[in-house]
Protein backbone atom coordinates (compact mmCIF):
# COMPACT_ATOMS: atom_id res chain seq x y z
CA MET A 1 74.62 6.57 -125.72
CA PRO A 2 71.06 7.23 -124.44
CA HIS A 3 70.11 3.61 -125.01
CA ALA A 4 73.01 2.42 -122.84
CA THR A 5 71.97 4.86 -120.11
CA GLN A 6 68.36 3.70 -120.24
CA HIS A 7 69.50 0.08 -120.02
CA ALA A 8 71.67 0.84 -116.99
CA ASP A 9 68.81 2.69 -115.29
CA ALA A 10 66.51 -0.30 -115.88
CA ALA A 11 69.11 -2.64 -114.43
CA VAL A 12 69.46 -0.48 -111.33
CA TYR A 13 65.68 -0.34 -110.96
CA ALA A 14 65.41 -4.13 -111.30
CA THR A 15 68.15 -4.66 -108.70
CA SER A 16 66.44 -2.24 -106.32
CA ALA A 17 63.06 -3.94 -106.79
CA GLU A 18 64.62 -7.34 -106.16
CA LEU A 19 66.24 -6.01 -102.97
CA ASP A 20 62.97 -4.51 -101.71
CA THR A 21 61.17 -7.80 -102.30
CA ALA A 22 63.91 -9.84 -100.62
CA LEU A 23 64.02 -7.58 -97.56
CA ARG A 24 60.27 -7.88 -97.12
CA GLY A 25 59.97 -11.63 -97.56
CA GLY A 26 63.45 -13.14 -97.25
CA PRO A 27 64.95 -15.60 -96.97
CA PHE A 28 68.09 -14.17 -95.35
CA HIS A 29 70.61 -15.38 -97.93
CA VAL A 30 68.57 -14.00 -100.85
CA ALA A 31 68.23 -10.61 -99.13
CA LEU A 32 71.95 -10.47 -98.33
CA ARG A 33 72.89 -11.39 -101.91
CA ALA A 34 70.53 -8.76 -103.33
CA ALA A 35 71.87 -6.09 -100.94
CA ILE A 36 75.49 -6.78 -101.88
CA ALA A 37 74.57 -6.75 -105.58
CA ALA A 38 72.69 -3.46 -105.19
CA ARG A 39 75.80 -1.83 -103.68
CA GLY A 40 78.04 -3.39 -106.33
CA LEU A 41 80.65 -4.47 -103.77
CA PRO A 42 82.88 -7.51 -104.22
CA LEU A 43 83.09 -9.70 -101.12
CA GLN A 44 86.67 -8.60 -100.45
CA ARG A 45 85.45 -4.99 -100.10
CA VAL A 46 82.61 -6.10 -97.83
CA GLN A 47 85.15 -7.90 -95.66
CA HIS A 48 87.32 -4.76 -95.58
CA HIS A 49 84.37 -2.61 -94.47
CA LEU A 50 83.52 -5.13 -91.73
CA SER A 51 87.09 -4.98 -90.41
CA ARG A 52 86.66 -1.21 -89.99
CA TYR A 53 83.75 -2.01 -87.68
CA GLY A 54 86.01 -4.30 -85.68
CA VAL A 55 84.31 -7.46 -86.99
CA LYS A 56 86.33 -10.29 -88.52
CA VAL A 57 84.50 -12.45 -91.08
CA GLY A 58 86.19 -14.42 -93.84
CA VAL A 59 85.29 -14.04 -97.52
CA THR A 60 84.39 -17.75 -97.56
CA SER A 61 81.88 -17.25 -94.72
CA LEU A 62 80.33 -14.27 -96.52
CA SER A 63 80.04 -16.38 -99.66
CA TYR A 64 78.38 -19.21 -97.71
CA TRP A 65 75.95 -16.77 -96.10
CA GLN A 66 74.74 -15.33 -99.40
CA GLN A 67 74.48 -18.82 -100.96
CA GLY A 68 72.41 -20.16 -98.06
CA ALA A 69 75.01 -22.85 -97.29
CA ARG A 70 75.42 -21.46 -93.77
CA ARG A 71 73.63 -18.99 -91.52
CA PRO A 72 75.15 -16.52 -89.06
CA GLN A 73 74.69 -17.87 -85.54
CA ARG A 74 77.57 -16.99 -83.22
CA PRO A 75 77.51 -13.59 -81.43
CA GLU A 76 80.40 -12.36 -83.61
CA SER A 77 78.48 -13.36 -86.73
CA LEU A 78 75.34 -11.56 -85.55
CA ARG A 79 77.47 -8.45 -84.91
CA ALA A 80 78.62 -8.75 -88.50
CA VAL A 81 75.03 -8.86 -89.76
CA ARG A 82 74.18 -5.66 -87.89
CA ALA A 83 77.28 -4.01 -89.31
CA LEU A 84 76.30 -5.17 -92.81
CA GLU A 85 72.99 -3.33 -92.46
CA GLU A 86 74.96 -0.07 -92.10
CA ILE A 87 77.60 -0.91 -94.70
CA LEU A 88 74.96 -1.85 -97.28
CA HIS A 89 72.73 1.15 -96.39
CA LEU A 90 69.83 -1.00 -95.21
CA PRO A 91 67.13 -0.23 -92.62
CA ASP A 92 67.88 -1.27 -89.05
CA GLU A 93 66.92 -4.88 -88.27
CA SER A 94 66.13 -5.58 -91.95
CA LEU A 95 68.63 -8.45 -92.18
CA ILE A 96 68.78 -9.59 -88.57
CA ARG A 97 65.03 -10.17 -88.39
CA LEU A 98 65.19 -12.55 -91.37
CA LEU A 99 67.40 -14.85 -89.29
CA ALA A 100 64.31 -15.62 -87.21
CA GLU A 101 62.98 -17.50 -90.24
CA PRO A 102 64.18 -20.95 -91.19
CA ASP A 103 65.77 -21.10 -94.65
CA GLY A 104 64.99 -24.75 -95.18
CA GLY A 105 61.27 -24.75 -95.97
CA ASP A 106 61.86 -25.96 -99.54
CA GLY A 107 65.12 -27.76 -99.01
CA GLY A 108 64.20 -30.74 -96.87
CA THR A 109 63.29 -29.28 -93.49
CA ALA A 110 59.74 -28.63 -92.32
CA THR A 111 59.48 -26.06 -89.55
CA GLY A 112 56.33 -25.51 -87.50
CA LEU A 113 56.29 -22.27 -85.50
CA SER A 114 53.66 -22.38 -82.81
CA ALA A 115 51.72 -20.02 -80.59
CA GLY A 116 53.11 -17.18 -78.54
CA ARG A 117 56.60 -17.17 -80.03
CA SER A 118 58.19 -13.73 -79.88
CA TYR A 119 60.65 -12.46 -82.48
CA ARG A 120 63.48 -12.83 -79.95
CA SER A 121 62.53 -16.41 -79.07
CA LEU A 122 62.27 -17.32 -82.76
CA LEU A 123 65.71 -15.85 -83.39
CA GLU A 124 67.09 -17.87 -80.49
CA ALA A 125 65.33 -20.98 -81.80
CA SER A 126 66.84 -20.50 -85.26
CA GLY A 127 70.31 -20.65 -83.72
CA ILE A 128 69.41 -23.76 -81.72
CA LEU A 129 67.95 -25.32 -84.87
CA GLU A 130 71.22 -24.82 -86.71
CA GLN A 131 73.05 -26.43 -83.79
CA LEU A 132 70.73 -29.46 -83.72
CA LEU A 133 70.95 -29.90 -87.49
CA GLY A 134 74.73 -29.81 -87.12
CA GLU A 135 74.55 -32.65 -84.58
CA LEU A 136 72.69 -34.70 -87.19
CA GLU A 137 75.24 -33.66 -89.84
CA CYS A 138 72.37 -32.28 -91.91
CA PRO A 139 73.22 -29.52 -94.42
CA ILE A 140 70.98 -26.47 -94.77
CA ASP A 141 70.05 -27.72 -98.24
CA GLY A 142 68.73 -31.25 -97.68
CA GLY A 143 68.60 -31.93 -101.43
CA LEU A 144 64.78 -31.98 -101.64
CA HIS A 145 62.17 -29.61 -103.04
CA THR A 146 58.65 -29.83 -101.64
CA LEU A 147 55.97 -30.38 -104.29
CA GLY A 148 53.13 -30.86 -101.83
CA HIS A 149 52.65 -30.85 -98.05
CA HIS A 150 49.43 -31.72 -96.24
CA GLU A 151 49.49 -31.16 -92.50
CA ARG A 152 46.86 -32.23 -89.95
CA VAL A 153 47.04 -30.74 -86.46
CA ARG A 154 45.02 -32.09 -83.52
CA ILE A 155 43.93 -29.95 -80.55
CA GLY A 156 43.08 -32.00 -77.46
CA SER A 157 40.41 -31.79 -74.78
CA ARG A 158 42.67 -29.61 -72.61
CA ARG A 159 42.96 -27.20 -75.57
CA GLU A 160 46.57 -28.34 -76.01
CA LEU A 161 48.49 -29.08 -79.21
CA LEU A 162 48.04 -32.84 -79.08
CA GLY A 163 50.05 -33.66 -82.19
CA ARG A 164 50.37 -33.30 -85.93
CA GLU A 165 50.67 -35.52 -88.98
CA SER A 166 52.49 -34.52 -92.16
CA GLN A 167 52.40 -36.00 -95.63
CA HIS A 168 55.09 -34.78 -98.03
CA ILE A 169 55.60 -35.15 -101.76
CA VAL A 170 59.20 -34.19 -102.58
CA ARG A 171 61.58 -34.19 -105.53
CA ALA A 172 65.33 -34.70 -105.21
CA HIS A 173 67.49 -32.10 -106.92
CA ARG A 174 70.73 -34.03 -106.43
CA ASP A 175 71.79 -37.67 -106.34
CA GLY A 176 72.05 -39.69 -103.14
CA VAL A 177 69.34 -38.14 -100.96
CA ASP A 178 68.06 -40.76 -98.52
CA ARG A 179 66.46 -38.83 -95.66
CA PHE A 180 64.38 -35.87 -94.56
CA VAL A 181 64.87 -33.92 -91.34
CA ALA A 182 61.59 -32.81 -89.78
CA VAL A 183 61.42 -29.94 -87.29
CA HIS A 184 58.74 -29.44 -84.66
CA HIS A 185 58.56 -26.23 -82.59
CA GLY A 186 56.17 -26.75 -79.70
CA ASP A 187 54.06 -24.24 -77.80
CA PRO A 188 55.54 -22.31 -74.84
CA GLY A 189 56.02 -24.60 -71.83
CA CYS A 190 56.30 -27.76 -73.93
CA ALA A 191 58.71 -30.60 -73.14
CA PRO A 192 60.23 -31.80 -76.44
CA GLU A 193 62.05 -34.64 -74.67
CA ARG A 194 58.63 -36.19 -73.94
CA MET A 195 57.41 -35.95 -77.54
CA THR A 196 57.31 -38.96 -79.85
CA VAL A 197 58.07 -39.13 -83.57
CA ARG A 198 56.27 -41.86 -85.55
CA ALA A 199 57.10 -42.90 -89.11
CA LEU A 200 53.80 -43.76 -90.82
CA GLU A 201 54.51 -44.45 -94.49
CA ASN A 202 57.56 -45.00 -96.73
CA CYS A 203 60.06 -43.98 -94.04
CA ARG A 204 61.42 -44.97 -90.64
CA ALA A 205 62.46 -42.83 -87.69
CA GLY A 206 66.16 -42.20 -87.20
CA ARG A 207 67.99 -39.97 -84.74
CA VAL A 208 66.06 -37.38 -82.70
CA ARG A 209 67.48 -34.27 -81.03
CA SER A 210 65.69 -31.64 -78.93
CA HIS A 211 66.27 -28.48 -76.91
CA HIS A 212 64.05 -27.97 -73.86
CA ASP A 213 64.26 -24.19 -73.42
CA THR A 214 63.22 -23.33 -76.98
CA GLY A 215 60.86 -26.29 -77.49
CA VAL A 216 62.59 -27.34 -80.71
CA LEU A 217 62.73 -30.99 -81.81
CA VAL A 218 64.42 -32.34 -84.95
CA ALA A 219 64.08 -35.89 -86.25
CA GLU A 220 65.52 -37.89 -89.13
CA LEU A 221 63.12 -39.77 -91.38
CA LEU A 222 65.05 -42.39 -93.36
CA PHE A 223 63.83 -43.49 -96.80
CA ASP A 224 65.69 -46.85 -97.13
CA THR A 225 66.43 -45.83 -100.73
CA ARG A 226 68.76 -43.34 -102.36
CA LEU A 227 67.00 -40.91 -104.66
CA ARG A 228 68.54 -39.68 -107.86
CA ALA A 229 68.16 -36.11 -109.10
CA GLY A 230 64.63 -35.72 -110.47
CA ASP A 231 63.15 -38.64 -108.48
CA THR A 232 59.95 -37.98 -106.53
CA PHE A 233 59.08 -39.52 -103.18
CA LEU A 234 56.04 -39.58 -100.89
CA PHE A 235 56.22 -40.17 -97.14
CA ARG A 236 54.19 -39.57 -93.99
CA TYR A 237 55.09 -39.10 -90.33
CA ALA A 238 53.61 -37.78 -87.09
CA VAL A 239 54.78 -35.94 -83.98
CA GLU A 240 52.91 -36.69 -80.75
CA ASP A 241 53.13 -33.63 -78.48
CA GLY A 242 50.51 -32.86 -75.82
CA THR A 243 53.14 -31.47 -73.41
CA ALA A 244 52.22 -27.76 -73.28
CA ASP A 245 49.33 -25.64 -72.06
CA VAL A 246 46.57 -23.95 -74.05
CA SER A 247 47.28 -23.58 -77.79
CA ARG A 248 45.92 -20.61 -79.72
CA GLU A 249 47.48 -20.82 -83.18
CA TYR A 250 49.58 -22.90 -85.51
CA VAL A 251 52.05 -21.26 -87.89
CA ARG A 252 54.13 -22.74 -90.69
CA GLY A 253 57.29 -20.97 -91.87
CA PHE A 254 58.67 -21.22 -95.41
CA GLY A 255 62.18 -20.11 -96.29
CA ALA A 256 61.57 -20.21 -100.03
CA ALA A 257 58.73 -20.54 -102.54
CA GLY A 258 57.54 -24.09 -103.03
CA GLY A 259 54.62 -26.35 -103.89
CA GLN A 260 51.14 -26.70 -102.47
CA TYR A 261 50.52 -26.52 -98.72
CA ALA A 262 47.33 -27.50 -96.90
CA LEU A 263 46.80 -27.10 -93.16
CA GLN A 264 43.89 -28.60 -91.23
CA ILE A 265 43.21 -28.01 -87.54
CA ARG A 266 40.88 -30.50 -85.83
CA PHE A 267 39.49 -29.83 -82.37
CA ALA A 268 38.33 -32.22 -79.64
CA GLU A 269 34.56 -32.48 -79.32
CA ASN A 270 34.53 -30.90 -75.85
CA ALA A 271 37.00 -28.11 -76.75
CA LEU A 272 35.67 -26.03 -79.63
CA PRO A 273 36.85 -22.44 -80.25
CA VAL A 274 34.37 -19.61 -80.72
CA ARG A 275 36.04 -18.35 -83.91
CA CYS A 276 38.94 -19.16 -86.24
CA HIS A 277 40.91 -17.18 -88.81
CA ARG A 278 43.84 -17.53 -91.18
CA PHE A 279 46.69 -15.04 -91.49
CA THR A 280 50.00 -14.45 -93.27
CA GLN A 281 53.24 -12.83 -92.18
CA HIS A 282 56.31 -11.86 -94.23
CA SER A 283 58.62 -12.65 -91.29
CA ALA A 284 58.56 -13.16 -87.54
CA ALA A 285 59.20 -9.45 -86.98
CA ALA A 286 56.71 -8.19 -89.58
CA PRO A 287 53.07 -7.28 -88.90
CA ARG A 288 50.44 -9.87 -89.73
CA GLY A 289 48.12 -9.46 -92.67
CA GLY A 290 45.76 -11.39 -94.92
CA ARG A 291 43.36 -12.10 -92.05
CA GLN A 292 40.33 -14.06 -93.13
CA GLU A 293 37.66 -15.69 -90.96
CA LEU A 294 37.39 -19.47 -91.35
CA PRO A 295 34.13 -21.38 -90.78
CA LEU A 296 34.38 -24.23 -88.28
CA SER A 297 32.85 -27.46 -89.54
CA GLY A 298 30.39 -28.59 -86.89
CA ARG A 299 30.34 -32.25 -87.83
CA HIS A 300 34.10 -32.61 -88.39
CA ARG A 301 35.17 -29.95 -85.86
CA SER A 302 37.88 -28.65 -88.20
CA VAL A 303 39.09 -25.66 -90.20
CA HIS A 304 41.62 -25.58 -93.01
CA LEU A 305 43.54 -23.43 -95.45
CA VAL A 306 45.14 -24.22 -98.81
CA GLU A 307 48.06 -22.38 -100.42
CA PRO A 308 48.30 -23.53 -104.08
CA ARG A 309 51.91 -22.33 -104.19
CA VAL A 310 53.62 -21.18 -101.02
CA ARG A 311 55.70 -18.03 -100.88
CA SER A 312 58.56 -17.16 -98.57
CA GLY A 313 57.20 -16.17 -95.18
CA MET A 314 54.66 -17.57 -92.76
CA VAL A 315 51.05 -18.71 -92.94
CA GLY A 316 48.88 -19.96 -90.11
CA ILE A 317 45.53 -20.44 -88.42
CA GLY A 318 44.57 -18.84 -85.13
CA TRP A 319 41.54 -19.40 -82.92
CA ASP A 320 39.83 -17.82 -79.90
CA TRP A 321 38.55 -19.69 -76.87
CA GLU A 322 35.62 -18.52 -74.78
């Protein structure tokens, strides 16, 4: 029997390692699934434990949460997540903080998280984002995987986030996909209702929704063709912003591992920063790491970073003004 014991120990170790990784980097549904697996609880038992905390959540909802088909948003659901941290013997805030991250980075939704956003404001924005996506009848999984994403951000003469342009290369993983929902999260003080979405190549702009208090804007980009599973597609669009005050960083959040990502920040000639750096972050609530100074190109007034294969979490560029 020693071989069976050794095999079981290895399985427990592997489950624990998977849980540790998921709690550090998310996304939420992967961390929840790993935590439930590590405790070895069927969903009916999880539901029973929640009821003892005075929280009512259906088995179907729990299943959707751990599949990534839905995310907890309502106050009762967030109470359930906090209770799950105790039931599953997890550190405080380990699950709830992952809800500040969008889960759609590789599933058809691009989410830019901009300067000065606190963990609380990002958590609030994630709930608003789910609401806006619901208005557009857009599922969490948009049916697309990102193979490549090149993003160009422009900083204006008032040091403001003037706008950004995105080029995506995607692959459909199911039949019938005919759109992409882009998300723009402006700097504090922005007015998303005054922003403009422009379709530049192989797409056209559809419905647009926004929420003033959180600075979140979502927009449909229609392909005018229905992709079949395995089909690739390339398209380009832009968001004209320029509605907020001084910008100091640009951050991109990824809910899951994906393809290549390149970010370029270009500054106005009369508004050059004194220094620039790149950074990474496992989640909105985690400390930043991976800081690396970036040289500013004098002739082109730009800095950039390239991630050959993105990982779950956040990556961005920050800069200092005089």
